[in-house]
Amino acid sequence: MTPSEIALHQKSRLLELTWPDDVVHQLPCELLRVYSPSAEVRGHGVGQATLQIGKEQVNITAIDPVGHYAIKITFDDGHDSGLFDWNYLRDLGDKQAEHWADYLSRCDKANYVRNTTEQSDPS
């Protein structure tokens, strides 16, 4: 399913996706960055994912369509690899609370304390 509308809200660091079934997801840039489908983040196999830290203030500088199935997101930290296909974006939106809780748990296990002085948690 392809989103019927995509809107970037840079000030609030949110990517808003409206779907044909009228579901609307507001995905924080931080969540998109730490769950980038790139090899840099996911690794090349099971258990090879790299925890992305220090991304609390990351923002999106560009969104480029890739065919009719995905978008390429460029983040202001220079990361621009990995294609966000529609199914993956829908999953991130539908299961946002689960993904966010997993990320916070991984940060905790790594003894990383997120800097949230300028941004509130998106959960």
PDB file of N, CA and C in Angstrom:
ATOM      1  N   MET A   1       0.851  -1.175   0.000  1.00  0.00           N
ATOM      2  CA  MET A   1       0.000   0.000   0.000  1.00  0.00           C
ATOM      3  C   MET A   1       0.900   1.242   0.000  1.00  0.00           C
ATOM      4  N   THR A   2       0.661   2.139  -0.896  1.00  0.00           N
ATOM      5  CA  THR A   2       1.423   3.375  -1.027  1.00  0.00           C
ATOM      6  C   THR A   2       0.746   4.499  -0.245  1.00  0.00           C
ATOM      7  N   PRO A   3       1.514   5.295   0.506  1.00  0.00           N
ATOM      8  CA  PRO A   3       0.897   6.418   1.223  1.00  0.00           C
ATOM      9  C   PRO A   3       0.229   7.370   0.232  1.00  0.00           C
ATOM     10  N   SER A   4      -0.898   7.926   0.632  1.00  0.00           N
ATOM     11  CA  SER A   4      -1.590   8.900  -0.210  1.00  0.00           C
ATOM     12  C   SER A   4      -1.005  10.297  -0.019  1.00  0.00           C
ATOM     13  N   GLU A   5      -0.286  10.497   1.099  1.00  0.00           N
ATOM     14  CA  GLU A   5       0.348  11.792   1.363  1.00  0.00           C
ATOM     15  C   GLU A   5       1.564  11.581   2.252  1.00  0.00           C
ATOM     16  N   ILE A   6       2.621  12.331   1.956  1.00  0.00           N
ATOM     17  CA  ILE A   6       3.838  12.321   2.758  1.00  0.00           C
ATOM     18  C   ILE A   6       4.170  13.779   3.064  1.00  0.00           C
ATOM     19  N   ALA A   7       4.323  14.090   4.350  1.00  0.00           N
ATOM     20  CA  ALA A   7       4.632  15.466   4.739  1.00  0.00           C
ATOM     21  C   ALA A   7       5.767  15.455   5.758  1.00  0.00           C
ATOM     22  N   LEU A   8       6.778  16.263   5.516  1.00  0.00           N
ATOM     23  CA  LEU A   8       7.881  16.405   6.452  1.00  0.00           C
ATOM     24  C   LEU A   8       7.669  17.661   7.284  1.00  0.00           C
ATOM     25  N   HIS A   9       7.698  17.486   8.584  1.00  0.00           N
ATOM     26  CA  HIS A   9       7.581  18.599   9.523  1.00  0.00           C
ATOM     27  C   HIS A   9       8.949  18.759  10.186  1.00  0.00           C
ATOM     28  N   GLN A  10       9.819  19.561   9.576  1.00  0.00           N
ATOM     29  CA  GLN A  10      11.191  19.667  10.063  1.00  0.00           C
ATOM     30  C   GLN A  10      11.280  20.268  11.457  1.00  0.00           C
ATOM     31  N   LYS A  11      10.459  21.247  11.756  1.00  0.00           N
ATOM     32  CA  LYS A  11      10.539  21.892  13.073  1.00  0.00           C
ATOM     33  C   LYS A  11      10.268  20.890  14.196  1.00  0.00           C
ATOM     34  N   SER A  12       9.274  20.041  14.013  1.00  0.00           N
ATOM     35  CA  SER A  12       8.952  19.037  15.032  1.00  0.00           C
ATOM     36  C   SER A  12       9.664  17.710  14.783  1.00  0.00           C
ATOM     37  N   ARG A  13      10.456  17.637  13.708  1.00  0.00           N
ATOM     38  CA  ARG A  13      11.226  16.436  13.356  1.00  0.00           C
ATOM     39  C   ARG A  13      10.323  15.216  13.199  1.00  0.00           C
ATOM     40  N   LEU A  14       9.272  15.382  12.412  1.00  0.00           N
ATOM     41  CA  LEU A  14       8.324  14.286  12.173  1.00  0.00           C
ATOM     42  C   LEU A  14       8.092  14.094  10.679  1.00  0.00           C
ATOM     43  N   LEU A  15       8.004  12.840  10.276  1.00  0.00           N
ATOM     44  CA  LEU A  15       7.576  12.501   8.929  1.00  0.00           C
ATOM     45  C   LEU A  15       6.158  11.951   9.064  1.00  0.00           C
ATOM     46  N   GLU A  16       5.219  12.632   8.430  1.00  0.00           N
ATOM     47  CA  GLU A  16       3.811  12.243   8.531  1.00  0.00           C
ATOM     48  C   GLU A  16       3.397  11.510   7.263  1.00  0.00           C
ATOM     49  N   LEU A  17       2.888  10.305   7.444  1.00  0.00           N
ATOM     50  CA  LEU A  17       2.415   9.484   6.338  1.00  0.00           C
ATOM     51  C   LEU A  17       0.917   9.263   6.496  1.00  0.00           C
ATOM     52  N   THR A  18       0.174   9.582   5.463  1.00  0.00           N
ATOM     53  CA  THR A  18      -1.258   9.304   5.446  1.00  0.00           C
ATOM     54  C   THR A  18      -1.466   8.168   4.458  1.00  0.00           C
ATOM     55  N   TRP A  19      -2.172   7.145   4.894  1.00  0.00           N
ATOM     56  CA  TRP A  19      -2.378   5.947   4.088  1.00  0.00           C
ATOM     57  C   TRP A  19      -3.782   5.947   3.491  1.00  0.00           C
ATOM     58  N   PRO A  20      -3.993   5.212   2.409  1.00  0.00           N
ATOM     59  CA  PRO A  20      -5.313   5.171   1.762  1.00  0.00           C
ATOM     60  C   PRO A  20      -6.450   4.711   2.675  1.00  0.00           C
ATOM     61  N   ASP A  21      -6.120   3.958   3.732  1.00  0.00           N
ATOM     62  CA  ASP A  21      -7.159   3.506   4.673  1.00  0.00           C
ATOM     63  C   ASP A  21      -7.370   4.522   5.799  1.00  0.00           C
ATOM     64  N   ASP A  22      -6.897   5.771   5.584  1.00  0.00           N
ATOM     65  CA  ASP A  22      -7.054   6.893   6.509  1.00  0.00           C
ATOM     66  C   ASP A  22      -6.255   6.777   7.806  1.00  0.00           C
ATOM     67  N   VAL A  23      -5.330   5.832   7.869  1.00  0.00           N
ATOM     68  CA  VAL A  23      -4.413   5.753   9.004  1.00  0.00           C
ATOM     69  C   VAL A  23      -3.337   6.810   8.784  1.00  0.00           C
ATOM     70  N   VAL A  24      -3.008   7.539   9.844  1.00  0.00           N
ATOM     71  CA  VAL A  24      -1.958   8.561   9.780  1.00  0.00           C
ATOM     72  C   VAL A  24      -0.891   8.198  10.804  1.00  0.00           C
ATOM     73  N   HIS A  25       0.353   8.151  10.343  1.00  0.00           N
ATOM     74  CA  HIS A  25       1.491   7.899  11.232  1.00  0.00           C
ATOM     75  C   HIS A  25       2.378   9.132  11.259  1.00  0.00           C
ATOM     76  N   GLN A  26       2.818   9.494  12.438  1.00  0.00           N
ATOM     77  CA  GLN A  26       3.810  10.557  12.590  1.00  0.00           C
ATOM     78  C   GLN A  26       5.064   9.898  13.152  1.00  0.00           C
ATOM     79  N   LEU A  27       6.043   9.729  12.271  1.00  0.00           N
ATOM     80  CA  LEU A  27       7.260   9.015  12.638  1.00  0.00           C
ATOM     81  C   LEU A  27       8.377  10.013  12.943  1.00  0.00           C
ATOM     82  N   PRO A  28       8.914   9.982  14.169  1.00  0.00           N
ATOM     83  CA  PRO A  28      10.017  10.872  14.527  1.00  0.00           C
ATOM     84  C   PRO A  28      11.256  10.568  13.682  1.00  0.00           C
ATOM     85  N   CYS A  29      11.980  11.600  13.330  1.00  0.00           N
ATOM     86  CA  CYS A  29      13.207  11.423  12.551  1.00  0.00           C
ATOM     87  C   CYS A  29      14.187  10.503  13.280  1.00  0.00           C
ATOM     88  N   GLU A  30      14.262  10.641  14.592  1.00  0.00           N
ATOM     89  CA  GLU A  30      15.166   9.777  15.369  1.00  0.00           C
ATOM     90  C   GLU A  30      14.810   8.307  15.165  1.00  0.00           C
ATOM     91  N   LEU A  31      13.540   7.982  15.234  1.00  0.00           N
ATOM     92  CA  LEU A  31      13.108   6.599  15.043  1.00  0.00           C
ATOM     93  C   LEU A  31      13.477   6.108  13.643  1.00  0.00           C
ATOM     94  N   LEU A  32      13.221   6.924  12.636  1.00  0.00           N
ATOM     95  CA  LEU A  32      13.566   6.552  11.263  1.00  0.00           C
ATOM     96  C   LEU A  32      15.071   6.349  11.115  1.00  0.00           C
ATOM     97  N   ARG A  33      15.848   7.202  11.753  1.00  0.00           N
ATOM     98  CA  ARG A  33      17.308   7.095  11.615  1.00  0.00           C
ATOM     99  C   ARG A  33      17.840   5.845  12.293  1.00  0.00           C
ATOM    100  N   VAL A  34      17.362   5.556  13.503  1.00  0.00           N
ATOM    101  CA  VAL A  34      17.906   4.398  14.230  1.00  0.00           C
ATOM    102  C   VAL A  34      17.359   3.073  13.686  1.00  0.00           C
ATOM    103  N   TYR A  35      16.279   3.131  12.925  1.00  0.00           N
ATOM    104  CA  TYR A  35      15.736   1.935  12.273  1.00  0.00           C
ATOM    105  C   TYR A  35      15.922   1.992  10.759  1.00  0.00           C
ATOM    106  N   SER A  36      16.924   2.736  10.305  1.00  0.00           N
ATOM    107  CA  SER A  36      17.209   2.793   8.870  1.00  0.00           C
ATOM    108  C   SER A  36      17.428   1.374   8.344  1.00  0.00           C
ATOM    109  N   PRO A  37      16.859   1.064   7.192  1.00  0.00           N
ATOM    110  CA  PRO A  37      17.028  -0.280   6.631  1.00  0.00           C
ATOM    111  C   PRO A  37      18.374  -0.472   5.919  1.00  0.00           C
ATOM    112  N   SER A  38      19.350   0.340   6.241  1.00  0.00           N
ATOM    113  CA  SER A  38      20.660   0.256   5.597  1.00  0.00           C
ATOM    114  C   SER A  38      21.521  -0.836   6.223  1.00  0.00           C
ATOM    115  N   ALA A  39      22.514  -1.290   5.482  1.00  0.00           N
ATOM    116  CA  ALA A  39      23.463  -2.275   6.007  1.00  0.00           C
ATOM    117  C   ALA A  39      24.265  -1.687   7.167  1.00  0.00           C
ATOM    118  N   GLU A  40      24.513  -0.379   7.131  1.00  0.00           N
ATOM    119  CA  GLU A  40      25.245   0.282   8.213  1.00  0.00           C
ATOM    120  C   GLU A  40      24.530   0.094   9.550  1.00  0.00           C
ATOM    121  N   VAL A  41      23.210   0.110   9.532  1.00  0.00           N
ATOM    122  CA  VAL A  41      22.418  -0.019  10.753  1.00  0.00           C
ATOM    123  C   VAL A  41      22.056  -1.481  11.020  1.00  0.00           C
ATOM    124  N   ARG A  42      21.534  -2.156  10.023  1.00  0.00           N
ATOM    125  CA  ARG A  42      21.065  -3.536  10.185  1.00  0.00           C
ATOM    126  C   ARG A  42      22.161  -4.585  10.158  1.00  0.00           C
ATOM    127  N   GLY A  43      23.298  -4.267   9.540  1.00  0.00           N
ATOM    128  CA  GLY A  43      24.342  -5.262   9.350  1.00  0.00           C
ATOM    129  C   GLY A  43      24.021  -6.123   8.141  1.00  0.00           C
ATOM    130  N   HIS A  44      24.802  -7.158   7.969  1.00  0.00           N
ATOM    131  CA  HIS A  44      24.620  -8.036   6.804  1.00  0.00           C
ATOM    132  C   HIS A  44      24.052  -9.397   7.187  1.00  0.00           C
ATOM    133  N   GLY A  45      23.634  -9.550   8.428  1.00  0.00           N
ATOM    134  CA  GLY A  45      23.072 -10.824   8.862  1.00  0.00           C
ATOM    135  C   GLY A  45      22.482 -10.703  10.250  1.00  0.00           C
ATOM    136  N   VAL A  46      21.906 -11.787  10.720  1.00  0.00           N
ATOM    137  CA  VAL A  46      21.275 -11.823  12.037  1.00  0.00           C
ATOM    138  C   VAL A  46      22.306 -11.498  13.118  1.00  0.00           C
ATOM    139  N   GLY A  47      21.935 -10.608  14.024  1.00  0.00           N
ATOM    140  CA  GLY A  47      22.799 -10.258  15.134  1.00  0.00           C
ATOM    141  C   GLY A  47      23.900  -9.270  14.794  1.00  0.00           C
ATOM    142  N   GLN A  48      23.889  -8.716  13.596  1.00  0.00           N
ATOM    143  CA  GLN A  48      24.941  -7.785  13.194  1.00  0.00           C
ATOM    144  C   GLN A  48      24.491  -6.325  13.217  1.00  0.00           C
ATOM    145  N   ALA A  49      23.312  -6.062  13.721  1.00  0.00           N
ATOM    146  CA  ALA A  49      22.809  -4.685  13.774  1.00  0.00           C
ATOM    147  C   ALA A  49      23.693  -3.833  14.690  1.00  0.00           C
ATOM    148  N   THR A  50      23.839  -2.566  14.337  1.00  0.00           N
ATOM    149  CA  THR A  50      24.626  -1.628  15.125  1.00  0.00           C
ATOM    150  C   THR A  50      23.686  -0.605  15.753  1.00  0.00           C
ATOM    151  N   LEU A  51      23.743  -0.499  17.082  1.00  0.00           N
ATOM    152  CA  LEU A  51      22.919   0.472  17.789  1.00  0.00           C
ATOM    153  C   LEU A  51      23.356   1.875  17.389  1.00  0.00           C
ATOM    154  N   GLN A  52      22.418   2.667  16.947  1.00  0.00           N
ATOM    155  CA  GLN A  52      22.679   4.048  16.559  1.00  0.00           C
ATOM    156  C   GLN A  52      22.409   4.941  17.762  1.00  0.00           C
ATOM    157  N   ILE A  53      23.431   5.652  18.201  1.00  0.00           N
ATOM    158  CA  ILE A  53      23.260   6.540  19.358  1.00  0.00           C
ATOM    159  C   ILE A  53      23.601   7.967  18.949  1.00  0.00           C
ATOM    160  N   GLY A  54      23.150   8.909  19.758  1.00  0.00           N
ATOM    161  CA  GLY A  54      23.419  10.317  19.484  1.00  0.00           C
ATOM    162  C   GLY A  54      22.561  10.878  18.367  1.00  0.00           C
ATOM    163  N   LYS A  55      21.402  10.280  18.140  1.00  0.00           N
ATOM    164  CA  LYS A  55      20.536  10.695  17.024  1.00  0.00           C
ATOM    165  C   LYS A  55      19.286  11.437  17.494  1.00  0.00           C
ATOM    166  N   GLU A  56      19.303  11.902  18.740  1.00  0.00           N
ATOM    167  CA  GLU A  56      18.116  12.551  19.307  1.00  0.00           C
ATOM    168  C   GLU A  56      17.685  13.791  18.534  1.00  0.00           C
ATOM    169  N   GLN A  57      18.628  14.534  17.985  1.00  0.00           N
ATOM    170  CA  GLN A  57      18.298  15.785  17.302  1.00  0.00           C
ATOM    171  C   GLN A  57      18.377  15.675  15.781  1.00  0.00           C
ATOM    172  N   VAL A  58      18.513  14.459  15.264  1.00  0.00           N
ATOM    173  CA  VAL A  58      18.653  14.284  13.814  1.00  0.00           C
ATOM    174  C   VAL A  58      17.389  14.761  13.093  1.00  0.00           C
ATOM    175  N   ASN A  59      17.610  15.271  11.884  1.00  0.00           N
ATOM    176  CA  ASN A  59      16.478  15.736  11.086  1.00  0.00           C
ATOM    177  C   ASN A  59      16.648  15.214   9.666  1.00  0.00           C
ATOM    178  N   ILE A  60      15.622  15.354   8.889  1.00  0.00           N
ATOM    179  CA  ILE A  60      15.631  14.915   7.494  1.00  0.00           C
ATOM    180  C   ILE A  60      15.855  16.138   6.616  1.00  0.00           C
ATOM    181  N   THR A  61      16.789  16.012   5.661  1.00  0.00           N
ATOM    182  CA  THR A  61      17.060  17.122   4.745  1.00  0.00           C
ATOM    183  C   THR A  61      16.485  16.880   3.357  1.00  0.00           C
ATOM    184  N   ALA A  62      16.236  15.603   3.004  1.00  0.00           N
ATOM    185  CA  ALA A  62      15.680  15.307   1.681  1.00  0.00           C
ATOM    186  C   ALA A  62      14.952  13.970   1.697  1.00  0.00           C
ATOM    187  N   ILE A  63      13.903  13.905   0.878  1.00  0.00           N
ATOM    188  CA  ILE A  63      13.157  12.668   0.665  1.00  0.00           C
ATOM    189  C   ILE A  63      13.017  12.503  -0.847  1.00  0.00           C
ATOM    190  N   ASP A  64      13.544  11.403  -1.362  1.00  0.00           N
ATOM    191  CA  ASP A  64      13.495  11.163  -2.799  1.00  0.00           C
ATOM    192  C   ASP A  64      12.743   9.873  -3.095  1.00  0.00           C
ATOM    193  N   PRO A  65      11.802   9.922  -4.043  1.00  0.00           N
ATOM    194  CA  PRO A  65      11.085   8.704  -4.415  1.00  0.00           C
ATOM    195  C   PRO A  65      12.012   7.716  -5.116  1.00  0.00           C
ATOM    196  N   VAL A  66      11.765   6.444  -4.884  1.00  0.00           N
ATOM    197  CA  VAL A  66      12.481   5.368  -5.569  1.00  0.00           C
ATOM    198  C   VAL A  66      11.415   4.495  -6.211  1.00  0.00           C
ATOM    199  N   GLY A  67      11.246   4.654  -7.519  1.00  0.00           N
ATOM    200  CA  GLY A  67      10.181   3.925  -8.204  1.00  0.00           C
ATOM    201  C   GLY A  67       8.841   4.235  -7.562  1.00  0.00           C
ATOM    202  N   HIS A  68       8.007   3.209  -7.509  1.00  0.00           N
ATOM    203  CA  HIS A  68       6.691   3.344  -6.876  1.00  0.00           C
ATOM    204  C   HIS A  68       6.612   2.557  -5.578  1.00  0.00           C
ATOM    205  N   TYR A  69       7.783   2.186  -5.045  1.00  0.00           N
ATOM    206  CA  TYR A  69       7.760   1.276  -3.903  1.00  0.00           C
ATOM    207  C   TYR A  69       8.481   1.776  -2.651  1.00  0.00           C
ATOM    208  N   ALA A  70       9.211   2.897  -2.740  1.00  0.00           N
ATOM    209  CA  ALA A  70      10.029   3.294  -1.593  1.00  0.00           C
ATOM    210  C   ALA A  70      10.425   4.763  -1.685  1.00  0.00           C
ATOM    211  N   ILE A  71      11.054   5.231  -0.593  1.00  0.00           N
ATOM    212  CA  ILE A  71      11.688   6.547  -0.575  1.00  0.00           C
ATOM    213  C   ILE A  71      13.100   6.389  -0.020  1.00  0.00           C
ATOM    214  N   LYS A  72      13.962   7.281  -0.456  1.00  0.00           N
ATOM    215  CA  LYS A  72      15.311   7.382   0.088  1.00  0.00           C
ATOM    216  C   LYS A  72      15.321   8.635   0.946  1.00  0.00           C
ATOM    217  N   ILE A  73      15.707   8.477   2.195  1.00  0.00           N
ATOM    218  CA  ILE A  73      15.728   9.599   3.133  1.00  0.00           C
ATOM    219  C   ILE A  73      17.168  10.011   3.384  1.00  0.00           C
ATOM    220  N   THR A  74      17.424  11.309   3.276  1.00  0.00           N
ATOM    221  CA  THR A  74      18.733  11.856   3.622  1.00  0.00           C
ATOM    222  C   THR A  74      18.584  12.588   4.952  1.00  0.00           C
ATOM    223  N   PHE A  75      19.430  12.199   5.897  1.00  0.00           N
ATOM    224  CA  PHE A  75      19.405  12.796   7.232  1.00  0.00           C
ATOM    225  C   PHE A  75      20.520  13.839   7.346  1.00  0.00           C
ATOM    226  N   ASP A  76      20.352  14.789   8.258  1.00  0.00           N
ATOM    227  CA  ASP A  76      21.329  15.861   8.374  1.00  0.00           C
ATOM    228  C   ASP A  76      22.658  15.435   9.003  1.00  0.00           C
ATOM    229  N   ASP A  77      22.754  14.169   9.435  1.00  0.00           N
ATOM    230  CA  ASP A  77      24.046  13.648   9.897  1.00  0.00           C
ATOM    231  C   ASP A  77      24.816  12.986   8.755  1.00  0.00           C
ATOM    232  N   GLY A  78      24.281  13.117   7.527  1.00  0.00           N
ATOM    233  CA  GLY A  78      24.943  12.572   6.347  1.00  0.00           C
ATOM    234  C   GLY A  78      24.488  11.187   5.941  1.00  0.00           C
ATOM    235  N   HIS A  79      23.719  10.516   6.791  1.00  0.00           N
ATOM    236  CA  HIS A  79      23.257   9.163   6.457  1.00  0.00           C
ATOM    237  C   HIS A  79      22.211   9.236   5.348  1.00  0.00           C
ATOM    238  N   ASP A  80      22.423   8.456   4.298  1.00  0.00           N
ATOM    239  CA  ASP A  80      21.452   8.453   3.193  1.00  0.00           C
ATOM    240  C   ASP A  80      21.376   7.105   2.485  1.00  0.00           C
ATOM    241  N   SER A  81      21.802   6.051   3.155  1.00  0.00           N
ATOM    242  CA  SER A  81      21.708   4.731   2.525  1.00  0.00           C
ATOM    243  C   SER A  81      20.544   3.965   3.125  1.00  0.00           C
ATOM    244  N   GLY A  82      20.043   3.035   2.380  1.00  0.00           N
ATOM    245  CA  GLY A  82      18.876   2.273   2.813  1.00  0.00           C
ATOM    246  C   GLY A  82      17.613   2.847   2.216  1.00  0.00           C
ATOM    247  N   LEU A  83      16.806   1.990   1.663  1.00  0.00           N
ATOM    248  CA  LEU A  83      15.535   2.410   1.071  1.00  0.00           C
ATOM    249  C   LEU A  83      14.395   2.025   1.992  1.00  0.00           C
ATOM    250  N   PHE A  84      13.556   2.990   2.307  1.00  0.00           N
ATOM    251  CA  PHE A  84      12.390   2.773   3.157  1.00  0.00           C
ATOM    252  C   PHE A  84      11.223   2.419   2.254  1.00  0.00           C
ATOM    253  N   ASP A  85      10.937   1.119   2.109  1.00  0.00           N
ATOM    254  CA  ASP A  85       9.797   0.752   1.266  1.00  0.00           C
ATOM    255  C   ASP A  85       8.505   0.930   2.050  1.00  0.00           C
ATOM    256  N   TRP A  86       7.409   0.941   1.314  1.00  0.00           N
ATOM    257  CA  TRP A  86       6.112   1.249   1.942  1.00  0.00           C
ATOM    258  C   TRP A  86       5.758   0.268   3.046  1.00  0.00           C
ATOM    259  N   ASN A  87       6.020  -1.018   2.846  1.00  0.00           N
ATOM    260  CA  ASN A  87       5.702  -2.008   3.880  1.00  0.00           C
ATOM    261  C   ASN A  87       6.498  -1.755   5.155  1.00  0.00           C
ATOM    262  N   TYR A  88       7.760  -1.396   4.993  1.00  0.00           N
ATOM    263  CA  TYR A  88       8.605  -1.134   6.156  1.00  0.00           C
ATOM    264  C   TYR A  88       8.116   0.110   6.908  1.00  0.00           C
ATOM    265  N   LEU A  89       7.788   1.158   6.174  1.00  0.00           N
ATOM    266  CA  LEU A  89       7.269   2.372   6.812  1.00  0.00           C
ATOM    267  C   LEU A  89       5.940   2.111   7.512  1.00  0.00           C
ATOM    268  N   ARG A  90       5.096   1.311   6.896  1.00  0.00           N
ATOM    269  CA  ARG A  90       3.804   0.989   7.527  1.00  0.00           C
ATOM    270  C   ARG A  90       4.040   0.229   8.833  1.00  0.00           C
ATOM    271  N   ASP A  91       4.984  -0.718   8.801  1.00  0.00           N
ATOM    272  CA  ASP A  91       5.313  -1.476  10.007  1.00  0.00           C
ATOM    273  C   ASP A  91       5.861  -0.555  11.094  1.00  0.00           C
ATOM    274  N   LEU A  92       6.766   0.358  10.734  1.00  0.00           N
ATOM    275  CA  LEU A  92       7.298   1.297  11.729  1.00  0.00           C
ATOM    276  C   LEU A  92       6.180   2.120  12.357  1.00  0.00           C
ATOM    277  N   GLY A  93       5.206   2.506  11.553  1.00  0.00           N
ATOM    278  CA  GLY A  93       4.089   3.281  12.074  1.00  0.00           C
ATOM    279  C   GLY A  93       3.135   2.459  12.914  1.00  0.00           C
ATOM    280  N   ASP A  94       2.743   1.297  12.380  1.00  0.00           N
ATOM    281  CA  ASP A  94       1.779   0.449  13.097  1.00  0.00           C
ATOM    282  C   ASP A  94       2.336  -0.063  14.424  1.00  0.00           C
ATOM    283  N   LYS A  95       3.634  -0.296  14.470  1.00  0.00           N
ATOM    284  CA  LYS A  95       4.273  -0.862  15.670  1.00  0.00           C
ATOM    285  C   LYS A  95       5.253   0.128  16.291  1.00  0.00           C
ATOM    286  N   GLN A  96       4.950   1.406  16.160  1.00  0.00           N
ATOM    287  CA  GLN A  96       5.861   2.441  16.637  1.00  0.00           C
ATOM    288  C   GLN A  96       6.192   2.284  18.114  1.00  0.00           C
ATOM    289  N   ALA A  97       5.211   2.031  18.947  1.00  0.00           N
ATOM    290  CA  ALA A  97       5.458   1.906  20.391  1.00  0.00           C
ATOM    291  C   ALA A  97       6.392   0.728  20.682  1.00  0.00           C
ATOM    292  N   GLU A  98       6.204  -0.386  19.975  1.00  0.00           N
ATOM    293  CA  GLU A  98       7.073  -1.559  20.177  1.00  0.00           C
ATOM    294  C   GLU A  98       8.497  -1.268  19.728  1.00  0.00           C
ATOM    295  N   HIS A  99       8.641  -0.640  18.562  1.00  0.00           N
ATOM    296  CA  HIS A  99       9.974  -0.316  18.057  1.00  0.00           C
ATOM    297  C   HIS A  99      10.676   0.660  19.003  1.00  0.00           C
ATOM    298  N   TRP A 100       9.934   1.655  19.475  1.00  0.00           N
ATOM    299  CA  TRP A 100      10.518   2.655  20.372  1.00  0.00           C
ATOM    300  C   TRP A 100      10.969   2.001  21.679  1.00  0.00           C
ATOM    301  N   ALA A 101      10.135   1.127  22.239  1.00  0.00           N
ATOM    302  CA  ALA A 101      10.486   0.445  23.485  1.00  0.00           C
ATOM    303  C   ALA A 101      11.728  -0.430  23.288  1.00  0.00           C
ATOM    304  N   ASP A 102      11.831  -1.078  22.141  1.00  0.00           N
ATOM    305  CA  ASP A 102      13.004  -1.903  21.839  1.00  0.00           C
ATOM    306  C   ASP A 102      14.255  -1.034  21.760  1.00  0.00           C
ATOM    307  N   TYR A 103      14.146   0.085  21.090  1.00  0.00           N
ATOM    308  CA  TYR A 103      15.288   1.010  20.973  1.00  0.00           C
ATOM    309  C   TYR A 103      15.729   1.504  22.354  1.00  0.00           C
ATOM    310  N   LEU A 104      14.783   1.925  23.179  1.00  0.00           N
ATOM    311  CA  LEU A 104      15.128   2.402  24.524  1.00  0.00           C
ATOM    312  C   LEU A 104      15.774   1.300  25.351  1.00  0.00           C
ATOM    313  N   SER A 105      15.286   0.070  25.192  1.00  0.00           N
ATOM    314  CA  SER A 105      15.861  -1.067  25.906  1.00  0.00           C
ATOM    315  C   SER A 105      17.303  -1.317  25.468  1.00  0.00           C
ATOM    316  N   ARG A 106      17.549  -1.236  24.159  1.00  0.00           N
ATOM    317  CA  ARG A 106      18.912  -1.435  23.655  1.00  0.00           C
ATOM    318  C   ARG A 106      19.837  -0.311  24.122  1.00  0.00           C
ATOM    319  N   CYS A 107      19.327   0.920  24.175  1.00  0.00           N
ATOM    320  CA  CYS A 107      20.125   2.038  24.700  1.00  0.00           C
ATOM    321  C   CYS A 107      20.479   1.786  26.161  1.00  0.00           C
ATOM    322  N   ASP A 108      19.501   1.328  26.924  1.00  0.00           N
ATOM    323  CA  ASP A 108      19.706   1.055  28.342  1.00  0.00           C
ATOM    324  C   ASP A 108      20.768  -0.033  28.541  1.00  0.00           C
ATOM    325  N   LYS A 109      20.665  -1.104  27.767  1.00  0.00           N
ATOM    326  CA  LYS A 109      21.643  -2.204  27.878  1.00  0.00           C
ATOM    327  C   LYS A 109      23.045  -1.740  27.508  1.00  0.00           C
ATOM    328  N   ALA A 110      23.151  -0.741  26.637  1.00  0.00           N
ATOM    329  CA  ALA A 110      24.447  -0.205  26.228  1.00  0.00           C
ATOM    330  C   ALA A 110      24.909   0.925  27.160  1.00  0.00           C
ATOM    331  N   ASN A 111      24.127   1.173  28.225  1.00  0.00           N
ATOM    332  CA  ASN A 111      24.412   2.259  29.171  1.00  0.00           C
ATOM    333  C   ASN A 111      24.458   3.620  28.489  1.00  0.00           C
ATOM    334  N   TYR A 112      23.634   3.778  27.468  1.00  0.00           N
ATOM    335  CA  TYR A 112      23.550   5.058  26.773  1.00  0.00           C
ATOM    336  C   TYR A 112      22.344   5.825  27.298  1.00  0.00           C
ATOM    337  N   VAL A 113      22.579   7.058  27.731  1.00  0.00           N
ATOM    338  CA  VAL A 113      21.499   7.912  28.217  1.00  0.00           C
ATOM    339  C   VAL A 113      21.191   8.922  27.120  1.00  0.00           C
ATOM    340  N   ARG A 114      19.980   8.866  26.598  1.00  0.00           N
ATOM    341  CA  ARG A 114      19.573   9.774  25.528  1.00  0.00           C
ATOM    342  C   ARG A 114      19.501  11.208  26.047  1.00  0.00           C
ATOM    343  N   ASN A 115      19.926  12.151  25.219  1.00  0.00           N
ATOM    344  CA  ASN A 115      19.841  13.575  25.528  1.00  0.00           C
ATOM    345  C   ASN A 115      18.491  14.072  25.024  1.00  0.00           C
ATOM    346  N   THR A 116      17.578  14.272  25.926  1.00  0.00           N
ATOM    347  CA  THR A 116      16.220  14.670  25.535  1.00  0.00           C
ATOM    348  C   THR A 116      15.901  16.101  25.949  1.00  0.00           C
ATOM    349  N   THR A 117      16.907  16.927  26.087  1.00  0.00           N
ATOM    350  CA  THR A 117      16.665  18.295  26.544  1.00  0.00           C
ATOM    351  C   THR A 117      15.832  19.107  25.574  1.00  0.00           C
ATOM    352  N   GLU A 118      15.949  18.836  24.257  1.00  0.00           N
ATOM    353  CA  GLU A 118      15.200  19.611  23.277  1.00  0.00           C
ATOM    354  C   GLU A 118      14.049  18.844  22.656  1.00  0.00           C
ATOM    355  N   GLN A 119      13.914  17.574  22.967  1.00  0.00           N
ATOM    356  CA  GLN A 119      12.906  16.765  22.290  1.00  0.00           C
ATOM    357  C   GLN A 119      12.277  15.816  23.295  1.00  0.00           C
ATOM    358  N   SER A 120      10.988  15.659  23.228  1.00  0.00           N
ATOM    359  CA  SER A 120      10.320  14.710  24.099  1.00  0.00           C
ATOM    360  C   SER A 120      10.219  13.368  23.412  1.00  0.00           C
ATOM    361  N   ASP A 121      10.058  12.324  24.187  1.00  0.00           N
ATOM    362  CA  ASP A 121       9.929  10.981  23.627  1.00  0.00           C
ATOM    363  C   ASP A 121       8.690  10.906  22.743  1.00  0.00           C
ATOM    364  N   PRO A 122       8.792  10.226  21.586  1.00  0.00           N
ATOM    365  CA  PRO A 122       7.661  10.161  20.668  1.00  0.00           C
ATOM    366  C   PRO A 122       6.637   9.096  21.020  1.00  0.00           C
ATOM    367  N   SER A 123       6.835   8.400  22.121  1.00  0.00           N
ATOM    368  CA  SER A 123       5.900   7.315  22.462  1.00  0.00           C
ATOM    369  C   SER A 123       4.635   7.847  23.097  1.00  0.00           C
TER     370      SER A 123
END
